[in-house]
C-alpha atoms as a PDB file:
ATOM      1  CA  MET A   1       0.000   0.000   0.000  1.00  0.00           C
ATOM      2  CA  LYS A   2       1.210   3.484  -0.791  1.00  0.00           C
ATOM      3  CA  ASN A   3       1.657   5.403   2.434  1.00  0.00           C
ATOM      4  CA  LYS A   4       4.348   8.022   1.836  1.00  0.00           C
ATOM      5  CA  ILE A   5       3.690  11.706   1.273  1.00  0.00           C
ATOM      6  CA  MET A   6       6.483  13.633  -0.409  1.00  0.00           C
ATOM      7  CA  VAL A   7       6.858  17.072   1.202  1.00  0.00           C
ATOM      8  CA  VAL A   8       8.553  19.928  -0.669  1.00  0.00           C
ATOM      9  CA  GLU A   9       8.602  22.865   1.770  1.00  0.00           C
ATOM     10  CA  ASP A  10      11.557  25.147   2.458  1.00  0.00           C
ATOM     11  CA  ASN A  11      10.351  26.468   5.826  1.00  0.00           C
ATOM     12  CA  SER A  12      11.632  23.966   8.382  1.00  0.00           C
ATOM     13  CA  GLN A  13       8.945  24.758  10.965  1.00  0.00           C
ATOM     14  CA  ILE A  14       6.131  24.223   8.483  1.00  0.00           C
ATOM     15  CA  ARG A  15       7.840  21.097   7.112  1.00  0.00           C
ATOM     16  CA  GLU A  16       8.110  19.676  10.644  1.00  0.00           C
ATOM     17  CA  LEU A  17       4.430  20.451  11.259  1.00  0.00           C
ATOM     18  CA  TYR A  18       3.481  18.594   8.073  1.00  0.00           C
ATOM     19  CA  GLN A  19       5.652  15.663   9.137  1.00  0.00           C
ATOM     20  CA  ARG A  20       4.073  15.432  12.606  1.00  0.00           C
ATOM     21  CA  VAL A  21       0.530  15.601  11.227  1.00  0.00           C
ATOM     22  CA  ILE A  22       1.283  13.156   8.408  1.00  0.00           C
ATOM     23  CA  GLU A  23       2.820  10.631  10.805  1.00  0.00           C
ATOM     24  CA  ALA A  24       0.088  11.115  13.433  1.00  0.00           C
ATOM     25  CA  ASN A  25      -2.400  10.061  10.752  1.00  0.00           C
ATOM     26  CA  GLY A  26      -0.602   6.839   9.851  1.00  0.00           C
ATOM     27  CA  PHE A  27       1.428   8.004   6.862  1.00  0.00           C
ATOM     28  CA  SER A  28       5.165   8.562   6.377  1.00  0.00           C
ATOM     29  CA  ALA A  29       6.753  11.788   5.189  1.00  0.00           C
ATOM     30  CA  VAL A  30       9.475  11.924   2.545  1.00  0.00           C
ATOM     31  CA  GLU A  31      11.020  15.325   3.135  1.00  0.00           C
ATOM     32  CA  ILE A  32      12.988  17.085   0.433  1.00  0.00           C
ATOM     33  CA  LEU A  33      15.793  19.096   2.020  1.00  0.00           C
ATOM     34  CA  ASP A  34      17.865  19.935  -1.069  1.00  0.00           C
ATOM     35  CA  PHE A  35      15.696  22.069  -3.320  1.00  0.00           C
ATOM     36  CA  THR A  36      17.051  21.218  -6.748  1.00  0.00           C
ATOM     37  CA  PRO A  37      15.428  19.474  -9.701  1.00  0.00           C
ATOM     38  CA  ASP A  38      17.871  16.580  -9.368  1.00  0.00           C
ATOM     39  CA  SER A  39      17.103  15.933  -5.689  1.00  0.00           C
ATOM     40  CA  VAL A  40      13.326  16.045  -6.234  1.00  0.00           C
ATOM     41  CA  GLU A  41      13.612  13.654  -9.179  1.00  0.00           C
ATOM     42  CA  LYS A  42      15.912  11.216  -7.349  1.00  0.00           C
ATOM     43  CA  ALA A  43      13.748  11.146  -4.217  1.00  0.00           C
ATOM     44  CA  PHE A  44      10.580  10.628  -6.231  1.00  0.00           C
ATOM     45  CA  LEU A  45      12.087   7.816  -8.286  1.00  0.00           C
ATOM     46  CA  PHE A  46      13.515   6.130  -5.173  1.00  0.00           C
ATOM     47  CA  TYR A  47      10.128   6.093  -3.395  1.00  0.00           C
ATOM     48  CA  LYS A  48       7.866   6.077  -6.480  1.00  0.00           C
ATOM     49  CA  ASP A  49       6.056   2.833  -5.683  1.00  0.00           C
ATOM     50  CA  GLU A  50       5.286   4.026  -2.138  1.00  0.00           C
ATOM     51  CA  ILE A  51       4.299   7.665  -2.743  1.00  0.00           C
ATOM     52  CA  LEU A  52       0.625   8.334  -2.188  1.00  0.00           C
ATOM     53  CA  CYS A  53       0.842  12.046  -3.041  1.00  0.00           C
ATOM     54  CA  VAL A  54       3.104  15.090  -3.188  1.00  0.00           C
ATOM     55  CA  ILE A  55       2.580  18.319  -1.250  1.00  0.00           C
ATOM     56  CA  SER A  56       4.554  21.305  -2.466  1.00  0.00           C
ATOM     57  CA  ASP A  57       4.864  24.926  -1.495  1.00  0.00           C
ATOM     58  CA  TYR A  58       5.204  27.408  -4.349  1.00  0.00           C
ATOM     59  CA  ASN A  59       7.806  29.802  -2.923  1.00  0.00           C
ATOM     60  CA  ILE A  60      10.754  27.491  -2.371  1.00  0.00           C
ATOM     61  CA  SER A  61      13.656  29.616  -3.604  1.00  0.00           C
ATOM     62  CA  ASP A  62      14.411  32.274  -6.205  1.00  0.00           C
ATOM     63  CA  GLU A  63      15.650  29.584  -8.594  1.00  0.00           C
ATOM     64  CA  PHE A  64      13.217  26.752  -7.796  1.00  0.00           C
ATOM     65  CA  THR A  65       9.446  26.946  -7.307  1.00  0.00           C
ATOM     66  CA  GLY A  66       6.505  24.657  -6.804  1.00  0.00           C
ATOM     67  CA  ALA A  67       5.819  24.994 -10.517  1.00  0.00           C
ATOM     68  CA  ASP A  68       9.182  23.315 -11.120  1.00  0.00           C
ATOM     69  CA  VAL A  69       8.217  20.531  -8.715  1.00  0.00           C
ATOM     70  CA  VAL A  70       4.973  19.905 -10.626  1.00  0.00           C
ATOM     71  CA  LYS A  71       6.832  19.807 -13.966  1.00  0.00           C
ATOM     72  CA  ILE A  72       9.375  17.303 -12.607  1.00  0.00           C
ATOM     73  CA  ILE A  73       6.780  15.008 -11.022  1.00  0.00           C
ATOM     74  CA  ARG A  74       4.481  15.141 -14.053  1.00  0.00           C
ATOM     75  CA  GLY A  75       7.447  14.268 -16.268  1.00  0.00           C
ATOM     76  CA  LEU A  76       7.935  11.122 -14.192  1.00  0.00           C
ATOM     77  CA  ASP A  77       4.355  10.177 -13.286  1.00  0.00           C
ATOM     78  CA  SER A  78       1.089  11.485 -14.663  1.00  0.00           C
ATOM     79  CA  THR A  79      -1.111   9.958 -11.983  1.00  0.00           C
ATOM     80  CA  VAL A  80       0.321  10.723  -8.534  1.00  0.00           C
ATOM     81  CA  PRO A  81      -1.771  13.458  -6.883  1.00  0.00           C
ATOM     82  CA  ILE A  82       0.012  16.755  -6.306  1.00  0.00           C
ATOM     83  CA  PHE A  83      -1.278  19.270  -3.771  1.00  0.00           C
ATOM     84  CA  ALA A  84      -0.167  22.882  -4.255  1.00  0.00           C
ATOM     85  CA  ILE A  85       0.260  25.059  -1.167  1.00  0.00           C
ATOM     86  CA  CYS A  86       0.398  28.776  -2.012  1.00  0.00           C
ATOM     87  CA  SER A  87      -0.219  32.123  -0.391  1.00  0.00           C
ATOM     88  CA  ASP A  88      -0.951  33.666  -3.788  1.00  0.00           C
ATOM     89  CA  GLU A  89      -3.857  32.337  -5.822  1.00  0.00           C
ATOM     90  CA  THR A  90      -2.066  33.130  -9.093  1.00  0.00           C
ATOM     91  CA  ASP A  91       0.789  30.816  -8.088  1.00  0.00           C
ATOM     92  CA  GLY A  92      -1.715  28.120  -7.163  1.00  0.00           C
ATOM     93  CA  GLN A  93      -3.365  28.457 -10.555  1.00  0.00           C
ATOM     94  CA  LYS A  94       0.061  28.148 -12.251  1.00  0.00           C
ATOM     95  CA  MET A  95       0.661  24.872 -10.431  1.00  0.00           C
ATOM     96  CA  MET A  96      -2.836  23.634 -11.298  1.00  0.00           C
ATOM     97  CA  ALA A  97      -2.289  24.490 -14.981  1.00  0.00           C
ATOM     98  CA  LEU A  98       0.916  22.413 -14.919  1.00  0.00           C
ATOM     99  CA  GLY A  99      -0.833  19.386 -13.450  1.00  0.00           C
ATOM    100  CA  ALA A 100      -1.337  19.839  -9.699  1.00  0.00           C
ATOM    101  CA  ASN A 101      -4.585  18.218  -8.585  1.00  0.00           C
ATOM    102  CA  ARG A 102      -5.598  20.552  -5.801  1.00  0.00           C
ATOM    103  CA  PHE A 103      -4.710  23.984  -4.497  1.00  0.00           C
ATOM    104  CA  PHE A 104      -4.691  24.810  -0.782  1.00  0.00           C
ATOM    105  CA  PRO A 105      -4.430  28.575  -0.154  1.00  0.00           C
ATOM    106  CA  LYS A 106      -2.325  29.661   2.821  1.00  0.00           C
ATOM    107  CA  PRO A 107      -3.280  29.672   5.554  1.00  0.00           C
ATOM    108  CA  PHE A 108      -5.166  26.402   5.240  1.00  0.00           C
ATOM    109  CA  SER A 109      -6.556  23.811   7.583  1.00  0.00           C
ATOM    110  CA  ILE A 110      -4.176  20.890   7.966  1.00  0.00           C
ATOM    111  CA  LEU A 111      -7.276  18.824   8.703  1.00  0.00           C
ATOM    112  CA  ASP A 112      -8.590  19.624   5.203  1.00  0.00           C
ATOM    113  CA  PHE A 113      -5.290  18.354   3.806  1.00  0.00           C
ATOM    114  CA  ILE A 114      -5.483  15.113   5.818  1.00  0.00           C
ATOM    115  CA  LYS A 115      -9.096  14.669   4.705  1.00  0.00           C
ATOM    116  CA  ALA A 116      -7.967  14.994   1.076  1.00  0.00           C
ATOM    117  CA  VAL A 117      -5.185  12.438   1.691  1.00  0.00           C
ATOM    118  CA  ASN A 118      -7.609  10.043   3.382  1.00  0.00           C
ATOM    119  CA  ASN A 119      -9.893  10.345   0.356  1.00  0.00           C
ATOM    120  CA  LEU A 120      -6.995   9.126  -1.785  1.00  0.00           C
ATOM    121  CA  THR A 121      -6.585   6.002   0.317  1.00  0.00           C
ATOM    122  CA  ALA A 122     -10.278   5.130   0.145  1.00  0.00           C
ATOM    123  CA  GLY A 123      -9.744   3.574  -3.295  1.00  0.00           C
ATOM    124  CA  GLN A 124      -6.740   1.450  -2.315  1.00  0.00           C
END
């Protein structure tokens, strides 16, 4: 069963919050700590058969954004759900246009995110 959630978030406090909530709900977090296309691709390919979904912030760095994450993941897998987390609706729409499945505007309810993840597991 797929039970890993790939987390692409540059803010360590937010990333740790995601990890705690993800693990408290019976899933495992795969945290990306090196925000480069190569590291995202390698981590995704390593855990591909176990990844339930990807959650990505938009504002990661000046050189690397959530839009880049969506492009990389969609180039590797067209079916894994990608959740965009953005403070700006325009950025969320960019990620959706590139293939993200859902947009959560900041601030958002972490419970809404877990509900969306649980909905994914209902079909497994």
